[in-house]
Amino acid sequence: MPSSPSQETRIALLEHAYEAMTEVVNELKTTNKEIAESIRSMVTLQVQHAETRNGLERAFNELEKHGNDITKIKGELPSLRLIRKWLFGGIGLVGSLLIVAMMSLVIIGK
């Protein structure tokens, strides 16, 4: 029994719908692969970001320690300046005494 035109039309429509769905499935496969690659890239970037964040945290901790050391040194700086003045004053005094002693030897020696 020959097929009626409506059956042939329905079959043609089904074939067209099947081809369209096949194309959509192929596009979904391609999109799925692209999403998977994007997720891999994102994971890699997140790992690198975590490593960078940890490195920055360590660096800032070290800077804070150095800042504390500098603050401590600044607190001790006035006393260090006073000691330096006394040291140079003492050296100057000893040098002056040596010069006076040598001059007195020269004067007495004549």
Foldseek 3Di string as FASTA:
>chain_A
DDDDPVVVVVVVVVVVVVVVVVVVVVVVVVVVVVVVVVVVVVVVVVVVVVVVVVVVVVVVVVVVVVVVVVVVVVVCVVVVVVVVVVVVVVVVVVVVVVVVVVVVCVVVVD
